[in-house]
Amino acid sequence: MKESNRVLFKKTSKKTSWREVFIPKTPNVLFLPYEKNSSEFCAQCEGECVSVCEEKIIIKQKGAIPYLDFQSNGCIFCKKCAQICEEYHEEEGVLDSSLEDKILGRAEIMELSCFAYQGVICSSCKDICNGSIKFAGMFYPHVLETCTGCGLCISRCPQGSIQVIALKDKKS
């Protein structure tokens, strides 16, 4: 048995559902787009960005840094979060609406649960994506380097086989 199969077998034998196998337990914290400074300042902020987000993907708990949750929708890069940050906090603000439309993350497809990798015709992720997901024929999707980390593909995937992985820096 291959090493990777052995690891998968060990994982599945202890789990109560397949979702636990394919989705990591460690939280994957994605910060807001347009970040110019360290987001530590955001912990003291009232979170005006949450109220202006039409997609309702910005989550902020009291005393914590806001983060993105793509389970119900993705970022459309409307810049409203950055504009309200600039308006309320001026120079202290963390977000800058003049920066590139990009989240410091990249989509990753979990092949073991993806319909297209199992021979089922499905292109839900590609249909919503802005050209960063390509298929080899009708199957085997892969994410290109041009991925903006918007997360629109996550909420559209019927299997929940996509996640956006946080990148360590802007060059990753």
N, C-alpha and C. Protein backbone atom coordinates (compact mmCIF):
# COMPACT_ATOMS: atom_id res chain seq x y z
N MET A 1 0.86 -1.18 0.00
CA MET A 1 0.00 0.00 0.00
C MET A 1 0.90 1.24 0.00
N LYS A 2 0.60 2.17 -0.86
CA LYS A 2 1.39 3.41 -0.92
C LYS A 2 1.28 4.18 0.39
N GLU A 3 2.29 5.00 0.65
CA GLU A 3 2.30 5.83 1.86
C GLU A 3 1.07 6.72 1.94
N SER A 4 0.70 7.37 0.82
CA SER A 4 -0.44 8.28 0.85
C SER A 4 -1.75 7.53 1.11
N ASN A 5 -1.88 6.33 0.57
CA ASN A 5 -3.08 5.52 0.83
C ASN A 5 -3.15 5.11 2.29
N ARG A 6 -2.00 4.77 2.85
CA ARG A 6 -1.94 4.36 4.25
C ARG A 6 -2.38 5.51 5.17
N VAL A 7 -1.91 6.71 4.86
CA VAL A 7 -2.27 7.89 5.65
C VAL A 7 -3.77 8.15 5.54
N LEU A 8 -4.31 8.06 4.32
CA LEU A 8 -5.75 8.27 4.13
C LEU A 8 -6.56 7.23 4.89
N PHE A 9 -6.11 5.96 4.84
CA PHE A 9 -6.82 4.90 5.56
C PHE A 9 -6.85 5.18 7.06
N LYS A 10 -5.72 5.61 7.60
CA LYS A 10 -5.66 5.92 9.04
C LYS A 10 -6.60 7.07 9.38
N LYS A 11 -6.65 8.07 8.51
CA LYS A 11 -7.53 9.22 8.75
C LYS A 11 -8.99 8.79 8.74
N THR A 12 -9.37 8.00 7.73
CA THR A 12 -10.78 7.64 7.58
C THR A 12 -11.25 6.66 8.64
N SER A 13 -10.37 5.85 9.16
CA SER A 13 -10.79 4.86 10.14
C SER A 13 -11.18 5.49 11.47
N LYS A 14 -10.72 6.69 11.75
CA LYS A 14 -11.00 7.37 13.02
C LYS A 14 -12.09 8.44 12.91
N LYS A 15 -12.55 8.73 11.72
CA LYS A 15 -13.47 9.84 11.52
C LYS A 15 -14.92 9.36 11.49
N THR A 16 -15.82 10.29 11.74
CA THR A 16 -17.25 9.96 11.69
C THR A 16 -17.88 10.34 10.36
N SER A 17 -17.20 11.19 9.57
CA SER A 17 -17.74 11.56 8.27
C SER A 17 -16.59 11.86 7.31
N TRP A 18 -16.88 11.76 6.01
CA TRP A 18 -15.87 12.04 4.99
C TRP A 18 -15.45 13.51 5.01
N ARG A 19 -16.37 14.40 5.36
CA ARG A 19 -16.05 15.83 5.40
C ARG A 19 -14.88 16.08 6.36
N GLU A 20 -14.82 15.34 7.46
CA GLU A 20 -13.72 15.51 8.41
C GLU A 20 -12.38 15.12 7.80
N VAL A 21 -12.40 14.19 6.85
CA VAL A 21 -11.17 13.74 6.21
C VAL A 21 -10.62 14.81 5.29
N PHE A 22 -11.50 15.46 4.55
CA PHE A 22 -11.06 16.36 3.50
C PHE A 22 -10.92 17.81 3.92
N ILE A 23 -11.52 18.21 5.01
CA ILE A 23 -11.43 19.59 5.46
C ILE A 23 -10.59 19.63 6.72
N PRO A 24 -9.49 20.38 6.71
CA PRO A 24 -8.60 20.39 7.87
C PRO A 24 -9.25 20.98 9.11
N LYS A 25 -8.78 20.52 10.27
CA LYS A 25 -9.32 21.02 11.54
C LYS A 25 -8.77 22.39 11.89
N THR A 26 -7.55 22.68 11.48
CA THR A 26 -6.97 23.96 11.83
C THR A 26 -7.68 25.08 11.10
N PRO A 27 -8.01 26.15 11.78
CA PRO A 27 -8.71 27.25 11.11
C PRO A 27 -7.82 27.89 10.06
N ASN A 28 -8.40 28.21 8.94
CA ASN A 28 -7.70 28.85 7.84
C ASN A 28 -8.16 30.30 7.81
N VAL A 29 -7.42 31.16 8.46
CA VAL A 29 -7.83 32.56 8.61
C VAL A 29 -7.40 33.36 7.39
N LEU A 30 -8.38 33.93 6.71
CA LEU A 30 -8.11 34.78 5.56
C LEU A 30 -8.46 36.21 5.91
N PHE A 31 -7.49 37.09 5.73
CA PHE A 31 -7.71 38.49 6.04
C PHE A 31 -8.33 39.22 4.85
N LEU A 32 -8.84 40.39 5.11
CA LEU A 32 -9.55 41.16 4.10
C LEU A 32 -8.62 41.58 2.96
N PRO A 33 -9.21 41.83 1.78
CA PRO A 33 -8.39 42.35 0.68
C PRO A 33 -7.98 43.80 0.98
N TYR A 34 -7.07 44.30 0.20
CA TYR A 34 -6.61 45.70 0.29
C TYR A 34 -5.85 46.02 1.58
N GLU A 35 -5.25 45.03 2.19
CA GLU A 35 -4.53 45.25 3.44
C GLU A 35 -3.18 45.91 3.16
N LYS A 36 -2.96 47.08 3.77
CA LYS A 36 -1.70 47.80 3.57
C LYS A 36 -0.78 47.72 4.78
N ASN A 37 -1.36 47.57 5.95
CA ASN A 37 -0.60 47.50 7.20
C ASN A 37 -0.96 46.23 7.95
N SER A 38 -0.25 45.99 9.01
CA SER A 38 -0.59 44.87 9.89
C SER A 38 -2.01 45.06 10.38
N SER A 39 -2.76 43.99 10.45
CA SER A 39 -4.16 44.08 10.84
C SER A 39 -4.37 44.09 12.35
N GLU A 40 -3.32 44.23 13.13
CA GLU A 40 -3.45 44.27 14.60
C GLU A 40 -4.35 45.43 15.04
N PHE A 41 -4.31 46.55 14.32
CA PHE A 41 -5.15 47.70 14.65
C PHE A 41 -6.63 47.33 14.62
N CYS A 42 -6.99 46.41 13.74
CA CYS A 42 -8.39 46.01 13.56
C CYS A 42 -9.01 45.41 14.82
N ALA A 43 -8.21 44.86 15.71
CA ALA A 43 -8.75 44.24 16.93
C ALA A 43 -9.48 45.28 17.79
N GLN A 44 -9.02 46.53 17.76
CA GLN A 44 -9.66 47.59 18.54
C GLN A 44 -10.77 48.30 17.77
N CYS A 45 -10.89 48.04 16.50
CA CYS A 45 -11.87 48.70 15.64
C CYS A 45 -13.29 48.20 15.94
N GLU A 46 -14.27 49.02 15.63
CA GLU A 46 -15.67 48.64 15.82
C GLU A 46 -16.18 47.71 14.71
N GLY A 47 -15.43 47.59 13.63
CA GLY A 47 -15.81 46.67 12.56
C GLY A 47 -16.82 47.22 11.57
N GLU A 48 -16.63 48.47 11.17
CA GLU A 48 -17.54 49.08 10.19
C GLU A 48 -17.54 48.30 8.88
N CYS A 49 -16.42 47.65 8.57
CA CYS A 49 -16.31 46.88 7.33
C CYS A 49 -17.36 45.76 7.27
N VAL A 50 -17.70 45.20 8.41
CA VAL A 50 -18.69 44.11 8.46
C VAL A 50 -20.05 44.59 7.97
N SER A 51 -20.45 45.76 8.41
CA SER A 51 -21.79 46.27 8.07
C SER A 51 -21.92 46.70 6.61
N VAL A 52 -20.82 47.06 5.95
CA VAL A 52 -20.92 47.51 4.56
C VAL A 52 -20.72 46.37 3.55
N CYS A 53 -20.31 45.22 4.01
CA CYS A 53 -20.07 44.09 3.10
C CYS A 53 -21.39 43.50 2.63
N GLU A 54 -21.71 43.70 1.36
CA GLU A 54 -22.97 43.21 0.79
C GLU A 54 -23.01 41.69 0.71
N GLU A 55 -21.86 41.07 0.60
CA GLU A 55 -21.80 39.61 0.48
C GLU A 55 -21.85 38.92 1.85
N LYS A 56 -21.73 39.70 2.92
CA LYS A 56 -21.80 39.18 4.30
C LYS A 56 -20.74 38.11 4.57
N ILE A 57 -19.51 38.35 4.09
CA ILE A 57 -18.44 37.38 4.29
C ILE A 57 -17.41 37.83 5.32
N ILE A 58 -17.52 39.06 5.81
CA ILE A 58 -16.57 39.55 6.81
C ILE A 58 -17.12 39.23 8.19
N ILE A 59 -16.31 38.54 8.97
CA ILE A 59 -16.68 38.14 10.33
C ILE A 59 -15.76 38.88 11.29
N LYS A 60 -16.35 39.50 12.30
CA LYS A 60 -15.54 40.20 13.32
C LYS A 60 -16.15 39.94 14.68
N GLN A 61 -15.33 39.42 15.56
CA GLN A 61 -15.74 39.24 16.94
C GLN A 61 -15.06 40.32 17.78
N LYS A 62 -15.68 40.70 18.86
CA LYS A 62 -15.17 41.78 19.70
C LYS A 62 -13.73 41.48 20.14
N GLY A 63 -12.86 42.46 19.92
CA GLY A 63 -11.47 42.33 20.31
C GLY A 63 -10.62 41.46 19.40
N ALA A 64 -11.20 41.06 18.27
CA ALA A 64 -10.47 40.19 17.34
C ALA A 64 -10.33 40.86 15.97
N ILE A 65 -9.43 40.34 15.19
CA ILE A 65 -9.21 40.84 13.84
C ILE A 65 -10.27 40.26 12.91
N PRO A 66 -10.87 41.07 12.02
CA PRO A 66 -11.87 40.53 11.10
C PRO A 66 -11.24 39.54 10.11
N TYR A 67 -12.04 38.58 9.69
CA TYR A 67 -11.57 37.60 8.71
C TYR A 67 -12.70 37.28 7.74
N LEU A 68 -12.38 36.55 6.69
CA LEU A 68 -13.34 36.23 5.64
C LEU A 68 -13.87 34.81 5.80
N ASP A 69 -15.17 34.63 5.58
CA ASP A 69 -15.81 33.32 5.62
C ASP A 69 -16.56 33.14 4.30
N PHE A 70 -16.09 32.21 3.47
CA PHE A 70 -16.64 32.02 2.13
C PHE A 70 -17.70 30.93 2.03
N GLN A 71 -18.21 30.44 3.12
CA GLN A 71 -19.17 29.33 3.05
C GLN A 71 -20.46 29.69 2.32
N SER A 72 -20.90 30.93 2.41
CA SER A 72 -22.15 31.30 1.75
C SER A 72 -21.95 32.15 0.50
N ASN A 73 -20.80 32.78 0.37
CA ASN A 73 -20.53 33.64 -0.78
C ASN A 73 -19.05 33.95 -0.86
N GLY A 74 -18.66 34.71 -1.89
CA GLY A 74 -17.28 35.10 -2.07
C GLY A 74 -17.16 36.61 -2.18
N CYS A 75 -15.93 37.08 -2.26
CA CYS A 75 -15.66 38.51 -2.36
C CYS A 75 -15.80 38.96 -3.82
N ILE A 76 -16.54 40.04 -4.03
CA ILE A 76 -16.71 40.58 -5.38
C ILE A 76 -15.82 41.81 -5.60
N PHE A 77 -14.96 42.10 -4.63
CA PHE A 77 -14.02 43.22 -4.70
C PHE A 77 -14.71 44.55 -4.99
N CYS A 78 -15.74 44.82 -4.22
CA CYS A 78 -16.48 46.08 -4.37
C CYS A 78 -15.74 47.26 -3.72
N LYS A 79 -14.76 46.97 -2.89
CA LYS A 79 -13.91 47.96 -2.20
C LYS A 79 -14.62 48.70 -1.07
N LYS A 80 -15.85 48.36 -0.74
CA LYS A 80 -16.57 49.08 0.31
C LYS A 80 -15.91 48.93 1.67
N CYS A 81 -15.34 47.76 1.94
CA CYS A 81 -14.66 47.56 3.23
C CYS A 81 -13.47 48.51 3.35
N ALA A 82 -12.70 48.64 2.27
CA ALA A 82 -11.54 49.53 2.29
C ALA A 82 -11.96 51.00 2.36
N GLN A 83 -13.01 51.35 1.64
CA GLN A 83 -13.47 52.74 1.64
C GLN A 83 -13.96 53.17 3.02
N ILE A 84 -14.69 52.30 3.72
CA ILE A 84 -15.18 52.66 5.05
C ILE A 84 -14.02 52.72 6.04
N CYS A 85 -13.04 51.87 5.86
CA CYS A 85 -11.86 51.89 6.73
C CYS A 85 -11.10 53.21 6.55
N GLU A 86 -10.92 53.62 5.31
CA GLU A 86 -10.24 54.88 5.02
C GLU A 86 -11.03 56.07 5.57
N GLU A 87 -12.34 56.02 5.44
CA GLU A 87 -13.19 57.11 5.91
C GLU A 87 -13.14 57.25 7.43
N TYR A 88 -13.25 56.15 8.14
CA TYR A 88 -13.31 56.19 9.60
C TYR A 88 -11.94 56.34 10.27
N HIS A 89 -10.92 55.77 9.66
CA HIS A 89 -9.62 55.70 10.35
C HIS A 89 -8.49 56.44 9.66
N GLU A 90 -8.73 56.99 8.51
CA GLU A 90 -7.75 57.77 7.75
C GLU A 90 -6.40 57.07 7.71
N GLU A 91 -5.34 57.69 8.22
CA GLU A 91 -3.98 57.13 8.14
C GLU A 91 -3.79 55.88 8.99
N GLU A 92 -4.55 55.76 10.09
CA GLU A 92 -4.42 54.58 10.95
C GLU A 92 -5.03 53.34 10.32
N GLY A 93 -5.91 53.54 9.36
CA GLY A 93 -6.63 52.42 8.74
C GLY A 93 -5.71 51.38 8.15
N VAL A 94 -6.20 50.17 8.11
CA VAL A 94 -5.44 49.03 7.63
C VAL A 94 -5.66 48.78 6.14
N LEU A 95 -6.83 49.15 5.65
CA LEU A 95 -7.18 48.85 4.26
C LEU A 95 -7.01 50.07 3.36
N ASP A 96 -6.60 49.81 2.12
CA ASP A 96 -6.35 50.86 1.14
C ASP A 96 -7.03 50.46 -0.18
N SER A 97 -8.06 51.19 -0.56
CA SER A 97 -8.85 50.84 -1.75
C SER A 97 -8.08 50.97 -3.06
N SER A 98 -6.91 51.60 -3.05
CA SER A 98 -6.14 51.73 -4.28
C SER A 98 -5.30 50.49 -4.58
N LEU A 99 -5.25 49.55 -3.64
CA LEU A 99 -4.46 48.34 -3.85
C LEU A 99 -5.18 47.35 -4.77
N GLU A 100 -4.42 46.37 -5.24
CA GLU A 100 -4.91 45.34 -6.16
C GLU A 100 -6.08 44.53 -5.58
N ASP A 101 -7.00 44.13 -6.45
CA ASP A 101 -8.13 43.27 -6.06
C ASP A 101 -7.61 41.85 -5.84
N LYS A 102 -7.13 41.57 -4.65
CA LYS A 102 -6.56 40.26 -4.36
C LYS A 102 -6.60 40.00 -2.87
N ILE A 103 -6.91 38.77 -2.52
CA ILE A 103 -6.89 38.32 -1.13
C ILE A 103 -5.64 37.47 -0.98
N LEU A 104 -4.99 37.54 0.14
CA LEU A 104 -3.76 36.80 0.36
C LEU A 104 -4.09 35.33 0.61
N GLY A 105 -4.58 34.68 -0.45
CA GLY A 105 -4.95 33.28 -0.39
C GLY A 105 -5.15 32.74 -1.79
N ARG A 106 -5.15 31.41 -1.90
CA ARG A 106 -5.34 30.78 -3.20
C ARG A 106 -6.26 29.58 -3.04
N ALA A 107 -7.18 29.41 -3.98
CA ALA A 107 -8.09 28.27 -3.94
C ALA A 107 -7.32 26.97 -4.13
N GLU A 108 -7.79 25.95 -3.45
CA GLU A 108 -7.20 24.62 -3.56
C GLU A 108 -8.34 23.62 -3.69
N ILE A 109 -8.24 22.75 -4.68
CA ILE A 109 -9.27 21.74 -4.93
C ILE A 109 -8.85 20.43 -4.29
N MET A 110 -9.73 19.86 -3.49
CA MET A 110 -9.45 18.58 -2.85
C MET A 110 -9.91 17.46 -3.79
N GLU A 111 -8.95 16.86 -4.46
CA GLU A 111 -9.21 15.91 -5.53
C GLU A 111 -10.02 14.70 -5.09
N LEU A 112 -9.83 14.23 -3.88
CA LEU A 112 -10.50 13.02 -3.43
C LEU A 112 -12.01 13.17 -3.31
N SER A 113 -12.48 14.39 -3.13
CA SER A 113 -13.93 14.59 -3.01
C SER A 113 -14.55 15.36 -4.18
N CYS A 114 -13.73 15.89 -5.06
CA CYS A 114 -14.21 16.68 -6.21
C CYS A 114 -14.92 15.78 -7.22
N PHE A 115 -16.15 16.15 -7.60
CA PHE A 115 -16.90 15.39 -8.60
C PHE A 115 -16.10 15.19 -9.88
N ALA A 116 -15.50 16.27 -10.40
CA ALA A 116 -14.79 16.20 -11.68
C ALA A 116 -13.62 15.23 -11.64
N TYR A 117 -13.00 15.06 -10.50
CA TYR A 117 -11.90 14.09 -10.37
C TYR A 117 -12.44 12.66 -10.24
N GLN A 118 -13.72 12.53 -9.98
CA GLN A 118 -14.33 11.20 -9.85
C GLN A 118 -15.06 10.79 -11.14
N GLY A 119 -14.90 11.57 -12.20
CA GLY A 119 -15.50 11.23 -13.48
C GLY A 119 -16.90 11.77 -13.68
N VAL A 120 -17.37 12.62 -12.79
CA VAL A 120 -18.69 13.23 -12.91
C VAL A 120 -18.52 14.60 -13.59
N ILE A 121 -19.34 14.88 -14.57
CA ILE A 121 -19.23 16.17 -15.25
C ILE A 121 -19.78 17.26 -14.33
N CYS A 122 -18.90 18.12 -13.88
CA CYS A 122 -19.24 19.23 -13.00
C CYS A 122 -18.25 20.35 -13.27
N SER A 123 -18.75 21.53 -13.49
CA SER A 123 -17.87 22.68 -13.70
C SER A 123 -18.37 23.88 -12.91
N SER A 124 -18.99 23.62 -11.77
CA SER A 124 -19.54 24.70 -10.94
C SER A 124 -18.48 25.72 -10.56
N CYS A 125 -17.29 25.25 -10.23
CA CYS A 125 -16.22 26.17 -9.81
C CYS A 125 -15.76 27.04 -10.99
N LYS A 126 -15.61 26.43 -12.14
CA LYS A 126 -15.15 27.15 -13.33
C LYS A 126 -16.19 28.17 -13.79
N ASP A 127 -17.47 27.81 -13.68
CA ASP A 127 -18.54 28.70 -14.15
C ASP A 127 -18.55 30.03 -13.42
N ILE A 128 -18.25 30.04 -12.14
CA ILE A 128 -18.28 31.28 -11.35
C ILE A 128 -16.92 31.99 -11.34
N CYS A 129 -15.86 31.23 -11.61
CA CYS A 129 -14.50 31.78 -11.53
C CYS A 129 -14.20 32.71 -12.71
N ASN A 130 -13.34 33.66 -12.44
CA ASN A 130 -12.96 34.65 -13.44
C ASN A 130 -11.76 34.18 -14.26
N GLY A 131 -11.73 32.91 -14.65
CA GLY A 131 -10.68 32.40 -15.51
C GLY A 131 -9.48 31.78 -14.81
N SER A 132 -9.54 31.59 -13.52
CA SER A 132 -8.39 31.03 -12.80
C SER A 132 -8.51 29.54 -12.52
N ILE A 133 -9.61 28.93 -12.92
CA ILE A 133 -9.75 27.47 -12.80
C ILE A 133 -9.90 26.91 -14.21
N LYS A 134 -8.99 26.02 -14.57
CA LYS A 134 -8.99 25.39 -15.89
C LYS A 134 -9.18 23.89 -15.74
N PHE A 135 -9.79 23.28 -16.74
CA PHE A 135 -10.02 21.85 -16.75
C PHE A 135 -9.16 21.20 -17.84
N ALA A 136 -8.73 19.96 -17.60
CA ALA A 136 -8.08 19.16 -18.63
C ALA A 136 -9.20 18.42 -19.35
N GLY A 137 -9.70 18.99 -20.43
CA GLY A 137 -10.88 18.45 -21.10
C GLY A 137 -12.11 18.78 -20.27
N MET A 138 -12.87 17.74 -19.89
CA MET A 138 -14.07 17.95 -19.08
C MET A 138 -13.83 17.63 -17.61
N PHE A 139 -12.65 17.14 -17.29
CA PHE A 139 -12.37 16.71 -15.93
C PHE A 139 -11.07 17.34 -15.43
N TYR A 140 -10.73 17.05 -14.20
CA TYR A 140 -9.47 17.43 -13.56
C TYR A 140 -9.21 18.94 -13.53
N PRO A 141 -9.99 19.66 -12.76
CA PRO A 141 -9.76 21.11 -12.64
C PRO A 141 -8.48 21.40 -11.86
N HIS A 142 -7.84 22.48 -12.23
CA HIS A 142 -6.69 22.95 -11.45
C HIS A 142 -6.73 24.48 -11.39
N VAL A 143 -6.18 25.00 -10.32
CA VAL A 143 -6.21 26.43 -10.05
C VAL A 143 -4.92 27.06 -10.58
N LEU A 144 -5.07 28.12 -11.35
CA LEU A 144 -3.92 28.83 -11.92
C LEU A 144 -3.35 29.84 -10.92
N GLU A 145 -2.17 30.31 -11.22
CA GLU A 145 -1.50 31.32 -10.38
C GLU A 145 -2.28 32.64 -10.34
N THR A 146 -3.16 32.85 -11.28
CA THR A 146 -3.92 34.11 -11.35
C THR A 146 -5.08 34.16 -10.35
N CYS A 147 -5.26 33.11 -9.56
CA CYS A 147 -6.34 33.07 -8.56
C CYS A 147 -6.22 34.27 -7.62
N THR A 148 -7.33 34.98 -7.43
CA THR A 148 -7.34 36.15 -6.54
C THR A 148 -7.74 35.80 -5.11
N GLY A 149 -8.12 34.55 -4.87
CA GLY A 149 -8.53 34.14 -3.53
C GLY A 149 -9.91 34.64 -3.15
N CYS A 150 -10.74 34.98 -4.14
CA CYS A 150 -12.05 35.58 -3.87
C CYS A 150 -13.03 34.64 -3.18
N GLY A 151 -12.87 33.33 -3.34
CA GLY A 151 -13.72 32.37 -2.66
C GLY A 151 -15.08 32.12 -3.29
N LEU A 152 -15.35 32.71 -4.44
CA LEU A 152 -16.65 32.49 -5.08
C LEU A 152 -16.87 31.02 -5.42
N CYS A 153 -15.80 30.31 -5.75
CA CYS A 153 -15.90 28.90 -6.11
C CYS A 153 -16.31 28.02 -4.93
N ILE A 154 -15.99 28.43 -3.72
CA ILE A 154 -16.27 27.62 -2.53
C ILE A 154 -17.77 27.41 -2.34
N SER A 155 -18.51 28.49 -2.37
CA SER A 155 -19.96 28.38 -2.12
C SER A 155 -20.69 27.70 -3.28
N ARG A 156 -20.08 27.62 -4.45
CA ARG A 156 -20.73 27.01 -5.62
C ARG A 156 -20.45 25.52 -5.73
N CYS A 157 -19.42 25.03 -5.05
CA CYS A 157 -19.03 23.62 -5.17
C CYS A 157 -20.04 22.73 -4.43
N PRO A 158 -20.72 21.83 -5.17
CA PRO A 158 -21.73 20.99 -4.52
C PRO A 158 -21.14 19.98 -3.52
N GLN A 159 -19.86 19.69 -3.63
CA GLN A 159 -19.21 18.73 -2.74
C GLN A 159 -18.47 19.39 -1.59
N GLY A 160 -18.32 20.71 -1.62
CA GLY A 160 -17.52 21.38 -0.60
C GLY A 160 -16.05 21.00 -0.72
N SER A 161 -15.59 20.81 -1.96
CA SER A 161 -14.24 20.31 -2.22
C SER A 161 -13.21 21.40 -2.48
N ILE A 162 -13.56 22.64 -2.20
CA ILE A 162 -12.63 23.74 -2.45
C ILE A 162 -12.46 24.53 -1.17
N GLN A 163 -11.24 24.94 -0.93
CA GLN A 163 -10.95 25.84 0.18
C GLN A 163 -9.93 26.86 -0.30
N VAL A 164 -9.93 28.02 0.31
CA VAL A 164 -8.91 29.02 0.00
C VAL A 164 -7.89 28.95 1.12
N ILE A 165 -6.67 28.66 0.73
CA ILE A 165 -5.57 28.53 1.68
C ILE A 165 -4.87 29.87 1.81
N ALA A 166 -4.68 30.32 3.03
CA ALA A 166 -3.98 31.59 3.27
C ALA A 166 -2.53 31.47 2.83
N LEU A 167 -2.04 32.50 2.15
CA LEU A 167 -0.64 32.56 1.74
C LEU A 167 0.14 33.34 2.79
N LYS A 168 1.39 33.00 2.94
CA LYS A 168 2.22 33.66 3.96
C LYS A 168 2.58 35.09 3.59
N ASP A 169 2.82 35.32 2.30
CA ASP A 169 3.16 36.68 1.86
C ASP A 169 2.62 36.91 0.46
N LYS A 170 2.76 38.12 0.00
CA LYS A 170 2.18 38.51 -1.29
C LYS A 170 2.87 37.84 -2.48
N LYS A 171 4.05 37.26 -2.28
CA LYS A 171 4.78 36.63 -3.37
C LYS A 171 4.41 35.17 -3.54
N SER A 172 3.79 34.54 -2.53
CA SER A 172 3.48 33.09 -2.57
C SER A 172 2.50 32.75 -3.66
